[in-house]
């Protein structure tokens, strides 16, 4: 019985995780890639998008706000940390836990005060 509960909980957890991100207003689906590459002593989870590009997910999200929006309110609402401003109304923010980066980026993307939000992906180059 406990084994069955464990399988059910594992399945539900896997379903709850977002396996897509928004690029513009379109969903781009991701498949987990079965390797992690060490960078700066931290593990990076990699995904492959629909075009076959390998994308690493860290704890950073790029957010473009509408002119009237308050970054401080978004930081508080989503428990984020400001990393840096990279342009007019354009910021890089950090999540508390990189396992929530894609989910929070998706939530931000549909927020009425946000023009767009997407994870600050690391692209891995393949050697031929």
N, C-alpha and C. Protein backbone atom coordinates (compact mmCIF):
# COMPACT_ATOMS: atom_id res chain seq x y z
N UNK A 1 0.82 -1.20 0.00
CA UNK A 1 0.00 0.00 0.00
C UNK A 1 0.86 1.26 0.00
N UNK A 2 1.91 1.27 0.86
CA UNK A 2 2.79 2.44 0.90
C UNK A 2 3.51 2.62 -0.43
N UNK A 3 3.86 1.52 -1.07
CA UNK A 3 4.52 1.59 -2.37
C UNK A 3 3.60 2.27 -3.39
N UNK A 4 2.32 1.90 -3.39
CA UNK A 4 1.35 2.49 -4.30
C UNK A 4 1.20 3.98 -4.03
N UNK A 5 1.17 4.40 -2.77
CA UNK A 5 1.08 5.81 -2.42
C UNK A 5 2.30 6.57 -2.92
N UNK A 6 3.47 5.97 -2.77
CA UNK A 6 4.70 6.61 -3.23
C UNK A 6 4.68 6.82 -4.74
N UNK A 7 4.23 5.81 -5.47
CA UNK A 7 4.15 5.94 -6.93
C UNK A 7 3.15 7.03 -7.31
N UNK A 8 2.01 7.07 -6.66
CA UNK A 8 1.00 8.07 -6.94
C UNK A 8 1.53 9.47 -6.66
N UNK A 9 2.20 9.66 -5.53
CA UNK A 9 2.73 10.98 -5.18
C UNK A 9 3.82 11.41 -6.16
N UNK A 10 4.67 10.48 -6.57
CA UNK A 10 5.72 10.80 -7.54
C UNK A 10 5.11 11.21 -8.87
N UNK A 11 4.09 10.51 -9.31
CA UNK A 11 3.41 10.82 -10.56
C UNK A 11 2.76 12.20 -10.49
N UNK A 12 2.06 12.48 -9.41
CA UNK A 12 1.40 13.77 -9.26
C UNK A 12 2.40 14.91 -9.22
N UNK A 13 3.54 14.71 -8.55
CA UNK A 13 4.56 15.74 -8.49
C UNK A 13 5.10 16.03 -9.89
N UNK A 14 5.31 14.98 -10.66
CA UNK A 14 5.81 15.14 -12.02
C UNK A 14 4.84 15.89 -12.90
N UNK A 15 3.55 15.66 -12.72
CA UNK A 15 2.53 16.34 -13.51
C UNK A 15 2.42 17.81 -13.10
N UNK A 16 2.61 18.11 -11.83
CA UNK A 16 2.44 19.48 -11.34
C UNK A 16 3.53 20.41 -11.85
N UNK A 17 4.70 19.88 -12.17
CA UNK A 17 5.80 20.72 -12.61
C UNK A 17 5.54 21.22 -14.03
N UNK A 18 5.79 22.51 -14.26
CA UNK A 18 5.61 23.08 -15.59
C UNK A 18 6.70 22.56 -16.52
N UNK A 19 6.32 22.00 -17.64
CA UNK A 19 7.26 21.57 -18.64
C UNK A 19 7.11 22.40 -19.91
N UNK A 20 6.94 23.69 -19.71
CA UNK A 20 6.86 24.64 -20.80
C UNK A 20 7.24 26.02 -20.25
N UNK A 21 7.55 26.91 -21.17
CA UNK A 21 7.75 28.31 -20.81
C UNK A 21 7.15 29.14 -21.93
N UNK A 22 6.97 30.42 -21.68
CA UNK A 22 6.42 31.30 -22.70
C UNK A 22 7.54 32.05 -23.40
N UNK A 23 7.49 32.04 -24.72
CA UNK A 23 8.36 32.88 -25.53
C UNK A 23 7.42 33.76 -26.33
N UNK A 24 7.42 35.04 -25.98
CA UNK A 24 6.37 35.90 -26.49
C UNK A 24 5.08 35.46 -25.82
N UNK A 25 4.06 35.22 -26.58
CA UNK A 25 2.80 34.73 -26.01
C UNK A 25 2.56 33.26 -26.35
N UNK A 26 3.59 32.57 -26.82
CA UNK A 26 3.43 31.17 -27.20
C UNK A 26 4.14 30.25 -26.22
N UNK A 27 3.47 29.12 -25.92
CA UNK A 27 4.08 28.12 -25.07
C UNK A 27 5.13 27.35 -25.87
N UNK A 28 6.27 27.15 -25.24
CA UNK A 28 7.33 26.31 -25.81
C UNK A 28 7.50 25.15 -24.84
N UNK A 29 7.25 23.94 -25.32
CA UNK A 29 7.30 22.77 -24.45
C UNK A 29 8.72 22.27 -24.27
N UNK A 30 8.97 21.73 -23.09
CA UNK A 30 10.30 21.25 -22.71
C UNK A 30 10.24 19.78 -22.32
N UNK A 31 11.33 19.08 -22.59
CA UNK A 31 11.50 17.71 -22.12
C UNK A 31 12.75 17.69 -21.26
N UNK A 32 12.69 17.08 -20.09
CA UNK A 32 13.90 16.99 -19.25
C UNK A 32 15.01 16.25 -20.00
N UNK A 33 16.21 16.75 -19.86
CA UNK A 33 17.38 16.12 -20.45
C UNK A 33 18.12 15.43 -19.32
N UNK A 34 18.49 14.22 -19.47
CA UNK A 34 18.97 13.38 -18.38
C UNK A 34 20.41 13.60 -17.97
N UNK A 35 20.85 14.84 -17.92
CA UNK A 35 22.18 15.12 -17.41
C UNK A 35 22.18 16.48 -16.73
N UNK A 36 23.07 16.65 -15.81
CA UNK A 36 23.28 17.94 -15.19
C UNK A 36 24.75 18.27 -15.36
N UNK A 37 25.03 19.52 -15.65
CA UNK A 37 26.39 19.96 -15.86
C UNK A 37 26.73 20.92 -14.75
N UNK A 38 27.88 20.74 -14.13
CA UNK A 38 28.28 21.60 -13.03
C UNK A 38 28.76 22.95 -13.56
N UNK A 39 28.27 24.02 -12.99
CA UNK A 39 28.71 25.36 -13.33
C UNK A 39 28.76 26.15 -12.04
N UNK A 40 29.90 26.69 -11.73
CA UNK A 40 30.09 27.45 -10.49
C UNK A 40 29.66 26.65 -9.27
N UNK A 41 30.00 25.39 -9.25
CA UNK A 41 29.74 24.49 -8.13
C UNK A 41 28.26 24.25 -7.87
N UNK A 42 27.38 24.56 -8.81
CA UNK A 42 25.96 24.27 -8.63
C UNK A 42 25.48 23.41 -9.79
N UNK A 43 24.52 22.59 -9.55
CA UNK A 43 23.97 21.74 -10.60
C UNK A 43 22.92 22.51 -11.39
N UNK A 44 22.96 22.35 -12.68
CA UNK A 44 22.00 23.00 -13.56
C UNK A 44 21.16 21.92 -14.21
N UNK A 45 19.86 22.06 -14.13
CA UNK A 45 18.96 21.11 -14.78
C UNK A 45 18.79 21.54 -16.23
N UNK A 46 18.92 20.58 -17.14
CA UNK A 46 18.80 20.88 -18.56
C UNK A 46 17.51 20.30 -19.13
N UNK A 47 16.98 21.02 -20.12
CA UNK A 47 15.78 20.62 -20.85
C UNK A 47 16.06 20.80 -22.33
N UNK A 48 15.30 20.09 -23.15
CA UNK A 48 15.36 20.26 -24.60
C UNK A 48 14.03 20.85 -25.04
N UNK A 49 14.10 21.96 -25.81
CA UNK A 49 12.85 22.55 -26.29
C UNK A 49 12.41 21.89 -27.59
N UNK A 50 11.31 22.37 -28.15
CA UNK A 50 10.74 21.77 -29.36
C UNK A 50 11.67 21.83 -30.56
N UNK A 51 12.61 22.78 -30.56
CA UNK A 51 13.56 22.92 -31.66
C UNK A 51 14.83 22.10 -31.46
N UNK A 52 14.90 21.37 -30.34
CA UNK A 52 16.07 20.56 -30.05
C UNK A 52 17.19 21.30 -29.36
N UNK A 53 16.94 22.53 -28.93
CA UNK A 53 17.96 23.31 -28.23
C UNK A 53 18.03 22.89 -26.78
N UNK A 54 19.23 22.69 -26.29
CA UNK A 54 19.46 22.30 -24.90
C UNK A 54 19.52 23.56 -24.05
N UNK A 55 18.64 23.67 -23.05
CA UNK A 55 18.51 24.86 -22.21
C UNK A 55 18.72 24.51 -20.75
N UNK A 56 19.63 25.22 -20.10
CA UNK A 56 19.87 25.03 -18.68
C UNK A 56 19.06 26.02 -17.88
N UNK A 57 18.48 25.55 -16.78
CA UNK A 57 17.64 26.41 -15.94
C UNK A 57 18.38 26.70 -14.63
N UNK A 58 18.51 27.98 -14.34
CA UNK A 58 19.11 28.42 -13.08
C UNK A 58 18.01 29.04 -12.24
N UNK A 59 18.39 29.90 -11.30
CA UNK A 59 17.41 30.57 -10.46
C UNK A 59 17.04 31.96 -10.97
N UNK A 60 17.40 32.29 -12.21
CA UNK A 60 17.18 33.65 -12.74
C UNK A 60 16.06 33.69 -13.77
N UNK A 61 15.32 34.80 -13.74
CA UNK A 61 14.21 35.06 -14.66
C UNK A 61 14.38 36.46 -15.22
N UNK A 62 14.16 36.63 -16.53
CA UNK A 62 14.15 37.94 -17.16
C UNK A 62 12.71 38.42 -17.18
N UNK A 63 12.48 39.64 -16.67
CA UNK A 63 11.12 40.18 -16.56
C UNK A 63 11.07 41.57 -17.18
N UNK A 64 10.13 41.78 -18.09
CA UNK A 64 9.85 43.10 -18.68
C UNK A 64 8.52 43.57 -18.11
N UNK A 65 8.55 44.70 -17.39
CA UNK A 65 7.34 45.23 -16.76
C UNK A 65 6.66 46.27 -17.64
N UNK A 66 5.37 46.42 -17.45
CA UNK A 66 4.64 47.52 -18.06
C UNK A 66 5.08 48.81 -17.37
N UNK A 67 4.89 49.94 -18.03
CA UNK A 67 5.37 51.22 -17.50
C UNK A 67 4.84 51.54 -16.11
N UNK A 68 3.62 51.19 -15.82
CA UNK A 68 3.00 51.54 -14.55
C UNK A 68 3.24 50.52 -13.43
N UNK A 69 3.95 49.45 -13.73
CA UNK A 69 4.12 48.35 -12.76
C UNK A 69 5.21 48.64 -11.74
N UNK A 70 5.06 48.03 -10.57
CA UNK A 70 6.02 48.16 -9.48
C UNK A 70 6.80 46.85 -9.31
N UNK A 71 8.11 46.93 -9.50
CA UNK A 71 8.94 45.73 -9.32
C UNK A 71 8.90 45.27 -7.87
N UNK A 72 8.87 46.19 -6.92
CA UNK A 72 8.86 45.81 -5.51
C UNK A 72 7.65 44.94 -5.17
N UNK A 73 6.49 45.27 -5.72
CA UNK A 73 5.29 44.48 -5.45
C UNK A 73 5.41 43.07 -6.02
N UNK A 74 5.98 42.95 -7.23
CA UNK A 74 6.16 41.63 -7.83
C UNK A 74 7.17 40.80 -7.04
N UNK A 75 8.24 41.44 -6.60
CA UNK A 75 9.25 40.73 -5.81
C UNK A 75 8.62 40.13 -4.56
N UNK A 76 7.81 40.93 -3.90
CA UNK A 76 7.17 40.48 -2.67
C UNK A 76 6.13 39.39 -2.94
N UNK A 77 5.29 39.60 -3.95
CA UNK A 77 4.20 38.66 -4.24
C UNK A 77 4.72 37.27 -4.61
N UNK A 78 5.82 37.22 -5.36
CA UNK A 78 6.34 35.93 -5.83
C UNK A 78 7.59 35.47 -5.07
N UNK A 79 7.91 36.15 -3.98
CA UNK A 79 9.08 35.81 -3.15
C UNK A 79 10.36 35.76 -3.97
N UNK A 80 10.59 36.82 -4.74
CA UNK A 80 11.76 36.92 -5.60
C UNK A 80 12.78 37.91 -5.02
N UNK A 81 13.98 37.87 -5.56
CA UNK A 81 15.04 38.80 -5.18
C UNK A 81 15.50 39.54 -6.43
N UNK A 82 15.74 40.84 -6.30
CA UNK A 82 16.24 41.61 -7.43
C UNK A 82 17.70 41.25 -7.67
N UNK A 83 18.04 40.99 -8.92
CA UNK A 83 19.43 40.72 -9.28
C UNK A 83 20.04 41.96 -9.92
N UNK A 84 19.43 42.43 -11.02
CA UNK A 84 19.93 43.65 -11.66
C UNK A 84 18.91 44.17 -12.67
N UNK A 85 19.05 45.46 -12.98
CA UNK A 85 18.25 46.09 -14.02
C UNK A 85 19.09 46.09 -15.28
N UNK A 86 18.51 45.62 -16.40
CA UNK A 86 19.28 45.53 -17.63
C UNK A 86 18.75 46.43 -18.75
N UNK A 87 17.70 47.18 -18.46
CA UNK A 87 17.13 48.10 -19.43
C UNK A 87 15.92 48.78 -18.84
N UNK A 88 15.29 49.67 -19.63
CA UNK A 88 14.07 50.32 -19.15
C UNK A 88 12.98 49.27 -18.85
N UNK A 89 12.55 49.20 -17.61
CA UNK A 89 11.53 48.26 -17.15
C UNK A 89 11.92 46.80 -17.39
N UNK A 90 13.21 46.52 -17.55
CA UNK A 90 13.69 45.17 -17.83
C UNK A 90 14.66 44.75 -16.73
N UNK A 91 14.33 43.62 -16.07
CA UNK A 91 15.07 43.19 -14.89
C UNK A 91 15.44 41.71 -14.97
N UNK A 92 16.46 41.37 -14.21
CA UNK A 92 16.77 39.97 -13.92
C UNK A 92 16.48 39.79 -12.44
N UNK A 93 15.64 38.80 -12.12
CA UNK A 93 15.29 38.50 -10.74
C UNK A 93 15.70 37.07 -10.43
N UNK A 94 15.80 36.75 -9.14
CA UNK A 94 16.18 35.41 -8.71
C UNK A 94 15.07 34.79 -7.87
N UNK A 95 14.91 33.48 -8.04
CA UNK A 95 13.97 32.72 -7.21
C UNK A 95 14.72 32.19 -5.99
N UNK A 96 13.98 31.78 -4.98
CA UNK A 96 14.60 31.18 -3.80
C UNK A 96 15.16 29.80 -4.13
N UNK A 97 14.50 29.11 -5.04
CA UNK A 97 14.86 27.73 -5.37
C UNK A 97 14.74 27.55 -6.88
N UNK A 98 15.82 27.13 -7.53
CA UNK A 98 15.79 27.02 -8.99
C UNK A 98 14.78 26.00 -9.50
N UNK A 99 14.31 25.11 -8.64
CA UNK A 99 13.30 24.15 -9.09
C UNK A 99 11.95 24.82 -9.37
N UNK A 100 11.79 26.06 -8.93
CA UNK A 100 10.54 26.79 -9.17
C UNK A 100 10.67 27.86 -10.26
N UNK A 101 11.84 27.96 -10.87
CA UNK A 101 12.09 29.03 -11.84
C UNK A 101 11.10 29.04 -12.99
N UNK A 102 10.89 27.89 -13.63
CA UNK A 102 9.99 27.84 -14.79
C UNK A 102 8.55 28.15 -14.37
N UNK A 103 8.12 27.58 -13.28
CA UNK A 103 6.74 27.80 -12.80
C UNK A 103 6.50 29.29 -12.48
N UNK A 104 7.44 29.91 -11.79
CA UNK A 104 7.27 31.33 -11.44
C UNK A 104 7.34 32.20 -12.68
N UNK A 105 8.23 31.89 -13.61
CA UNK A 105 8.31 32.65 -14.86
C UNK A 105 6.98 32.58 -15.61
N UNK A 106 6.35 31.41 -15.62
CA UNK A 106 5.05 31.25 -16.29
C UNK A 106 3.96 32.06 -15.58
N UNK A 107 3.99 32.07 -14.24
CA UNK A 107 3.02 32.87 -13.48
C UNK A 107 3.22 34.36 -13.75
N UNK A 108 4.47 34.79 -13.78
CA UNK A 108 4.75 36.20 -14.08
C UNK A 108 4.30 36.57 -15.48
N UNK A 109 4.49 35.67 -16.43
CA UNK A 109 4.16 35.96 -17.82
C UNK A 109 2.68 36.27 -18.02
N UNK A 110 1.80 35.69 -17.20
CA UNK A 110 0.37 35.96 -17.33
C UNK A 110 -0.11 37.05 -16.36
N UNK A 111 0.81 37.63 -15.59
CA UNK A 111 0.47 38.72 -14.68
C UNK A 111 0.17 39.98 -15.49
N UNK A 112 -0.88 40.70 -15.10
CA UNK A 112 -1.32 41.88 -15.86
C UNK A 112 -0.30 43.02 -15.87
N UNK A 113 0.67 43.02 -14.96
CA UNK A 113 1.68 44.07 -14.90
C UNK A 113 2.97 43.72 -15.63
N UNK A 114 3.00 42.55 -16.25
CA UNK A 114 4.22 42.05 -16.90
C UNK A 114 4.00 41.97 -18.42
N UNK A 115 4.95 42.50 -19.18
CA UNK A 115 4.91 42.38 -20.63
C UNK A 115 5.33 40.97 -21.02
N UNK A 116 6.45 40.50 -20.46
CA UNK A 116 6.87 39.12 -20.64
C UNK A 116 7.82 38.71 -19.53
N UNK A 117 7.93 37.41 -19.34
CA UNK A 117 8.87 36.84 -18.37
C UNK A 117 9.26 35.46 -18.87
N UNK A 118 10.54 35.17 -18.79
CA UNK A 118 11.00 33.83 -19.13
C UNK A 118 12.29 33.53 -18.39
N UNK A 119 12.55 32.26 -18.14
CA UNK A 119 13.80 31.91 -17.45
C UNK A 119 15.01 32.44 -18.22
N UNK A 120 16.03 32.83 -17.50
CA UNK A 120 17.29 33.27 -18.11
C UNK A 120 18.10 32.01 -18.41
N UNK A 121 17.77 31.36 -19.52
CA UNK A 121 18.34 30.07 -19.86
C UNK A 121 19.83 30.15 -20.16
N UNK A 122 20.50 29.04 -19.88
CA UNK A 122 21.88 28.84 -20.32
C UNK A 122 21.79 27.88 -21.49
N UNK A 123 22.34 28.28 -22.60
CA UNK A 123 22.32 27.42 -23.79
C UNK A 123 23.62 26.63 -23.83
N UNK A 124 23.47 25.34 -23.99
CA UNK A 124 24.65 24.47 -24.06
C UNK A 124 24.97 24.18 -25.52
N UNK A 125 26.23 24.37 -25.86
CA UNK A 125 26.67 24.11 -27.23
C UNK A 125 27.08 22.66 -27.37
N UNK A 126 26.69 22.07 -28.48
CA UNK A 126 27.09 20.70 -28.80
C UNK A 126 28.35 20.74 -29.66
N UNK A 127 29.26 19.82 -29.42
CA UNK A 127 30.44 19.69 -30.27
C UNK A 127 30.14 18.68 -31.36
N UNK A 128 30.56 18.99 -32.57
CA UNK A 128 30.32 18.09 -33.70
C UNK A 128 31.49 17.18 -33.92
